[in-house]
Amino acid sequence: MMKMTIGTTTAGDGEWELRPGGMVVQRRTDDSSNVPHVIRVRVKYGSVRHEITINSQSTFGELKKRLSVKTGVHHQDMKILYKDKERDSKTFLDLCGVKDGSRLILKEDPISQEKRFLEMRKLVVKEKANRLISDISFQADRLAEKLSAFDAVIGKGVKVEEENLENLLEMLMNQLVKLDTILVDGDIKLKKNMQEERLQKYVEALDALKIKNSMQPQTQPQHKERDMVVTCEEKTSRKCTASSPGPPVIITTRWETFDSINSTSAAEAKTVKPLHPEFKWVIFD
């Protein structure tokens, strides 16, 4: 780096240096650069003036944060002017010539405010999408448990009702429809794609399981009827035992038959013969 001494200043002799970009700047001494000191600046915001105590080697961004506490304006929505020029938040105060007692102007930046609102809106949409995908993932875990349970039952040779499989398929398709309505990008989009692939695999596995279930033999309804009869008999026996706490009562009946009387009367009726009178009748002409 080339160094050269150029004249004198009001503060005394100063050593200047030539930067690679061709700019000639005053070289910092130990008193001015290495030892930071606190300065007090005056900032005008509308009709109000604020005095801020800050380190001379701080940035304008740090000054904006200090002003945000007093003014209530978000530091990203601020625009600070010094010597009629807007200063960047990353610029240091001492490099711009800000000294103790310097005056600055604070204004609100509507463009920065609008950008910040858009970023906040994107963040809210991102958080909402992330929450929806997490809920869908939880529901997918529950549906996977049902699918594995059906697979275990059908694997044992037991046929599952077709309606149960159709209901499970409908729930899986509903979760896929919910995923399609979520519009995201970036990392959350990767999560969305992972859940879509996962649900599609479950649907394919369920289709194969339905085919396997249709090949299972039909259950005999007679066994069910017999089981129902047995259960009914058990219930009635339980009711009877519950209603009669004492010893069982045996009732016997003796029936009298009247066949002998009827048979004798019928025999007498058969033996009785009509009697014809033995009179001689005289006919008078």
Protein backbone atom coordinates (compact mmCIF):
# COMPACT_ATOMS: atom_id res chain seq x y z
CA MET A 1 0.00 0.00 0.00
CA MET A 2 1.36 3.41 -0.96
CA LYS A 3 1.53 6.04 1.76
CA MET A 4 2.16 9.72 1.43
CA THR A 5 1.87 12.88 3.46
CA ILE A 6 -0.27 15.62 1.97
CA GLY A 7 -0.04 19.10 3.57
CA THR A 8 -1.59 19.92 6.89
CA THR A 9 -5.12 20.25 8.24
CA THR A 10 -6.77 22.48 10.80
CA ALA A 11 -6.29 19.78 13.42
CA GLY A 12 -2.60 19.54 12.68
CA ASP A 13 -0.44 17.42 10.45
CA GLY A 14 -2.22 14.30 9.19
CA GLU A 15 -0.92 11.23 7.46
CA TRP A 16 -2.84 10.20 4.37
CA GLU A 17 -2.84 6.90 2.49
CA LEU A 18 -3.81 5.78 -0.97
CA ARG A 19 -6.30 2.91 -1.07
CA PRO A 20 -6.24 0.33 -3.90
CA GLY A 21 -9.37 1.86 -5.40
CA GLY A 22 -7.52 5.12 -5.92
CA MET A 23 -9.18 6.97 -2.99
CA VAL A 24 -6.98 9.07 -0.75
CA VAL A 25 -8.16 8.92 2.87
CA GLN A 26 -6.77 10.09 6.17
CA ARG A 27 -5.10 7.33 8.09
CA ARG A 28 -6.56 6.64 11.49
CA THR A 29 -4.37 7.15 14.50
CA ASP A 30 -4.58 5.33 17.81
CA ASP A 31 -6.50 8.21 19.34
CA SER A 32 -9.18 8.32 16.65
CA SER A 33 -9.69 4.66 15.68
CA ASN A 34 -8.58 2.16 18.25
CA VAL A 35 -10.07 3.94 21.26
CA PRO A 36 -13.87 4.17 20.91
CA HIS A 37 -15.67 7.00 22.61
CA VAL A 38 -19.30 7.83 23.32
CA ILE A 39 -20.99 10.59 21.40
CA ARG A 40 -24.37 12.28 21.66
CA VAL A 41 -26.31 12.85 18.45
CA ARG A 42 -29.55 14.74 17.87
CA VAL A 43 -32.18 13.12 15.70
CA LYS A 44 -35.22 14.98 14.37
CA TYR A 45 -38.37 12.93 13.77
CA GLY A 46 -41.21 15.11 12.53
CA SER A 47 -41.59 17.90 15.06
CA VAL A 48 -39.88 15.93 17.86
CA ARG A 49 -36.15 15.88 18.60
CA HIS A 50 -34.41 12.99 20.32
CA GLU A 51 -30.94 12.82 21.82
CA ILE A 52 -29.23 9.45 21.55
CA THR A 53 -26.03 8.46 23.32
CA ILE A 54 -24.14 5.90 21.26
CA ASN A 55 -20.66 4.61 20.51
CA SER A 56 -18.88 6.49 17.74
CA GLN A 57 -17.94 3.23 15.99
CA SER A 58 -21.53 1.92 15.92
CA THR A 59 -23.49 1.47 12.72
CA PHE A 60 -26.58 3.33 11.58
CA GLY A 61 -28.51 0.10 12.06
CA GLU A 62 -27.69 0.14 15.76
CA LEU A 63 -28.76 3.76 15.90
CA LYS A 64 -32.08 2.83 14.29
CA LYS A 65 -32.70 0.21 16.97
CA ARG A 66 -32.09 2.82 19.67
CA LEU A 67 -34.52 5.18 17.97
CA SER A 68 -37.12 2.40 17.60
CA VAL A 69 -37.45 2.23 21.39
CA LYS A 70 -38.21 5.94 21.66
CA THR A 71 -40.30 6.49 18.53
CA GLY A 72 -42.15 3.18 18.26
CA VAL A 73 -41.24 2.86 14.58
CA HIS A 74 -39.83 -0.47 13.46
CA HIS A 75 -36.13 -0.20 12.72
CA GLN A 76 -36.60 -1.78 9.28
CA ASP A 77 -39.08 0.98 8.35
CA MET A 78 -36.62 3.82 9.15
CA LYS A 79 -34.60 6.00 6.86
CA ILE A 80 -31.84 8.18 8.42
CA LEU A 81 -30.47 11.20 6.57
CA TYR A 82 -27.14 12.77 7.41
CA LYS A 83 -25.97 15.77 5.42
CA ASP A 84 -28.98 15.33 3.11
CA LYS A 85 -27.95 11.78 2.20
CA GLU A 86 -29.57 8.50 3.18
CA ARG A 87 -27.18 6.30 5.11
CA ASP A 88 -27.12 2.53 4.89
CA SER A 89 -27.75 0.51 8.04
CA LYS A 90 -24.37 -1.24 7.72
CA THR A 91 -22.38 1.99 7.50
CA PHE A 92 -20.37 3.11 10.55
CA LEU A 93 -21.09 6.48 12.10
CA ASP A 94 -17.47 7.63 12.37
CA LEU A 95 -16.70 6.78 8.74
CA CYS A 96 -19.49 9.12 7.65
CA GLY A 97 -18.18 11.92 9.87
CA VAL A 98 -20.80 11.70 12.61
CA LYS A 99 -19.39 13.38 15.71
CA ASP A 100 -20.62 14.49 19.08
CA GLY A 101 -23.52 16.92 18.59
CA SER A 102 -24.21 15.93 14.98
CA ARG A 103 -27.76 16.33 13.71
CA LEU A 104 -29.62 13.66 11.79
CA ILE A 105 -33.11 13.35 10.31
CA LEU A 106 -35.33 10.30 10.74
CA LYS A 107 -38.09 9.46 8.24
CA GLU A 108 -40.36 6.50 7.70
CA ASP A 109 -39.76 4.46 4.57
CA PRO A 110 -43.11 3.24 3.13
CA ILE A 111 -41.39 0.91 0.66
CA SER A 112 -39.45 -0.85 3.41
CA GLN A 113 -42.62 -1.04 5.49
CA GLU A 114 -44.50 -2.71 2.64
CA LYS A 115 -41.67 -5.18 2.11
CA ARG A 116 -41.69 -6.06 5.78
CA PHE A 117 -45.47 -6.64 5.73
CA LEU A 118 -45.08 -8.95 2.73
CA GLU A 119 -42.37 -10.90 4.51
CA MET A 120 -44.55 -11.22 7.59
CA ARG A 121 -47.44 -12.44 5.46
CA LYS A 122 -45.23 -15.04 3.78
CA LEU A 123 -44.03 -16.17 7.18
CA VAL A 124 -47.61 -16.60 8.44
CA VAL A 125 -48.57 -18.60 5.33
CA LYS A 126 -45.47 -20.74 5.75
CA GLU A 127 -46.23 -21.50 9.38
CA LYS A 128 -49.85 -22.35 8.55
CA ALA A 129 -48.79 -24.70 5.76
CA ASN A 130 -46.25 -26.35 8.03
CA ARG A 131 -48.93 -26.91 10.67
CA LEU A 132 -51.35 -28.42 8.11
CA ILE A 133 -48.70 -30.79 6.81
CA SER A 134 -47.92 -31.88 10.36
CA ASP A 135 -51.61 -32.64 10.97
CA ILE A 136 -51.81 -34.65 7.75
CA SER A 137 -48.71 -36.59 8.78
CA PHE A 138 -50.36 -37.46 12.11
CA GLN A 139 -53.51 -38.67 10.35
CA ALA A 140 -51.40 -40.70 7.93
CA ASP A 141 -49.80 -42.51 10.87
CA ARG A 142 -53.21 -43.49 12.21
CA LEU A 143 -54.39 -44.71 8.80
CA ALA A 144 -51.20 -46.72 8.42
CA GLU A 145 -51.98 -48.55 11.66
CA LYS A 146 -55.44 -49.48 10.36
CA LEU A 147 -53.95 -50.67 7.08
CA SER A 148 -51.46 -52.90 8.87
CA ALA A 149 -54.26 -54.33 11.07
CA PHE A 150 -56.34 -55.24 8.00
CA ASP A 151 -53.29 -56.78 6.38
CA ALA A 152 -52.69 -58.97 9.42
CA VAL A 153 -56.32 -60.15 9.52
CA ILE A 154 -56.50 -60.93 5.80
CA GLY A 155 -53.13 -62.65 5.99
CA LYS A 156 -54.65 -65.15 8.45
CA GLY A 157 -57.31 -66.12 5.90
CA VAL A 158 -60.14 -64.09 7.41
CA LYS A 159 -62.22 -62.00 5.06
CA VAL A 160 -62.81 -58.35 5.98
CA GLU A 161 -65.98 -56.53 5.06
CA GLU A 162 -65.57 -54.58 1.86
CA GLU A 163 -67.15 -51.50 3.41
CA ASN A 164 -64.31 -51.15 5.93
CA LEU A 165 -61.71 -51.17 3.18
CA GLU A 166 -63.68 -48.61 1.17
CA ASN A 167 -63.88 -46.29 4.18
CA LEU A 168 -60.13 -46.51 4.70
CA LEU A 169 -59.54 -45.71 1.03
CA GLU A 170 -61.83 -42.69 1.25
CA MET A 171 -59.92 -41.33 4.26
CA LEU A 172 -56.61 -41.70 2.45
CA MET A 173 -57.94 -39.85 -0.58
CA ASN A 174 -59.23 -37.03 1.63
CA GLN A 175 -55.73 -36.50 3.01
CA LEU A 176 -54.34 -36.34 -0.52
CA VAL A 177 -56.92 -33.71 -1.45
CA LYS A 178 -55.89 -31.62 1.56
CA LEU A 179 -52.26 -31.77 0.46
CA ASP A 180 -53.16 -30.57 -3.04
CA THR A 181 -54.74 -27.40 -1.62
CA ILE A 182 -51.49 -26.39 0.16
CA LEU A 183 -49.37 -24.01 -1.94
CA VAL A 184 -45.82 -23.78 -0.60
CA ASP A 185 -42.23 -23.68 -1.80
CA GLY A 186 -38.79 -24.38 -0.43
CA ASP A 187 -38.28 -26.80 2.43
CA ILE A 188 -41.98 -27.11 3.19
CA LYS A 189 -42.62 -28.20 -0.40
CA LEU A 190 -40.23 -31.10 0.15
CA LYS A 191 -42.22 -32.15 3.22
CA LYS A 192 -45.41 -31.93 1.20
CA ASN A 193 -43.99 -34.14 -1.56
CA MET A 194 -42.83 -36.70 1.00
CA GLN A 195 -46.33 -36.96 2.49
CA GLU A 196 -47.89 -37.28 -0.97
CA GLU A 197 -45.59 -40.17 -1.88
CA ARG A 198 -46.31 -41.80 1.45
CA LEU A 199 -50.10 -41.61 1.05
CA GLN A 200 -49.92 -42.86 -2.54
CA LYS A 201 -48.00 -45.92 -1.35
CA TYR A 202 -50.73 -46.59 1.21
CA VAL A 203 -53.39 -46.35 -1.50
CA GLU A 204 -51.53 -48.80 -3.71
CA ALA A 205 -51.08 -51.21 -0.81
CA LEU A 206 -54.79 -50.95 0.01
CA ASP A 207 -55.75 -51.73 -3.61
CA ALA A 208 -53.63 -54.87 -3.51
CA LEU A 209 -55.18 -55.78 -0.16
CA LYS A 210 -58.69 -55.43 -1.60
CA ILE A 211 -57.84 -57.88 -4.36
CA LYS A 212 -56.45 -60.33 -1.82
CA ASN A 213 -59.53 -59.92 0.36
CA SER A 214 -61.88 -60.64 -2.55
CA MET A 215 -60.17 -64.02 -3.04
CA GLN A 216 -60.92 -65.09 0.54
CA PRO A 217 -63.71 -67.74 0.95
CA GLN A 218 -67.11 -66.63 2.11
CA THR A 219 -68.03 -67.35 5.72
CA GLN A 220 -70.95 -69.76 6.30
CA PRO A 221 -74.04 -68.05 7.72
CA GLN A 222 -75.18 -71.31 9.39
CA HIS A 223 -72.44 -71.01 11.94
CA LYS A 224 -73.61 -67.57 12.80
CA GLU A 225 -77.21 -68.74 13.23
CA ARG A 226 -76.07 -71.62 15.41
CA ASP A 227 -73.97 -69.26 17.50
CA MET A 228 -76.94 -66.94 17.82
CA VAL A 229 -79.15 -69.81 19.02
CA VAL A 230 -76.56 -70.91 21.55
CA THR A 231 -76.15 -67.39 22.86
CA CYS A 232 -79.95 -67.00 23.13
CA GLU A 233 -80.22 -70.23 25.08
CA GLU A 234 -77.43 -69.12 27.38
CA LYS A 235 -79.17 -65.81 27.97
CA THR A 236 -82.50 -67.44 28.76
CA SER A 237 -80.86 -69.90 31.15
CA ARG A 238 -79.10 -67.06 32.90
CA LYS A 239 -82.36 -65.14 33.23
CA CYS A 240 -84.10 -68.16 34.69
CA THR A 241 -81.40 -68.80 37.25
CA ALA A 242 -81.32 -65.13 38.16
CA SER A 243 -85.10 -64.88 38.64
CA SER A 244 -85.40 -68.03 40.85
CA PRO A 245 -82.94 -67.84 43.74
CA GLY A 246 -84.57 -70.81 45.65
CA PRO A 247 -84.65 -74.51 44.71
CA PRO A 248 -86.50 -75.39 41.52
CA VAL A 249 -90.19 -76.40 41.81
CA ILE A 250 -91.29 -79.49 39.89
CA ILE A 251 -94.98 -79.54 38.87
CA THR A 252 -96.55 -82.83 37.81
CA THR A 253 -100.05 -83.37 36.42
CA ARG A 254 -102.14 -86.53 36.30
CA TRP A 255 -104.58 -86.76 33.49
CA GLU A 256 -107.74 -88.90 33.67
CA THR A 257 -108.92 -90.65 30.55
CA PHE A 258 -112.58 -91.41 29.87
CA ASP A 259 -112.03 -93.91 27.08
CA SER A 260 -113.56 -96.81 29.08
CA ILE A 261 -116.89 -95.04 29.66
CA ASN A 262 -117.19 -93.98 26.09
CA SER A 263 -116.38 -97.50 24.90
CA THR A 264 -119.07 -99.12 27.17
CA SER A 265 -121.73 -96.66 26.10
CA ALA A 266 -120.86 -97.26 22.50
CA ALA A 267 -121.08 -101.06 23.00
CA GLU A 268 -124.49 -100.74 24.68
CA ALA A 269 -125.69 -98.60 21.86
CA LYS A 270 -124.65 -101.26 19.42
CA THR A 271 -126.34 -104.15 21.34
CA VAL A 272 -129.72 -102.45 21.70
CA LYS A 273 -131.98 -103.60 18.92
CA PRO A 274 -135.33 -102.12 18.04
CA LEU A 275 -138.40 -104.19 19.26
CA HIS A 276 -141.22 -104.89 16.81
CA PRO A 277 -144.71 -105.36 18.37
CA GLU A 278 -146.29 -108.78 17.73
CA PHE A 279 -149.91 -107.69 17.31
CA LYS A 280 -152.31 -109.16 14.68
CA TRP A 281 -154.32 -106.58 12.97
CA VAL A 282 -157.92 -107.34 11.74
CA ILE A 283 -158.91 -105.61 8.56
CA PHE A 284 -162.60 -104.65 8.17
CA ASP A 285 -163.80 -104.24 4.66
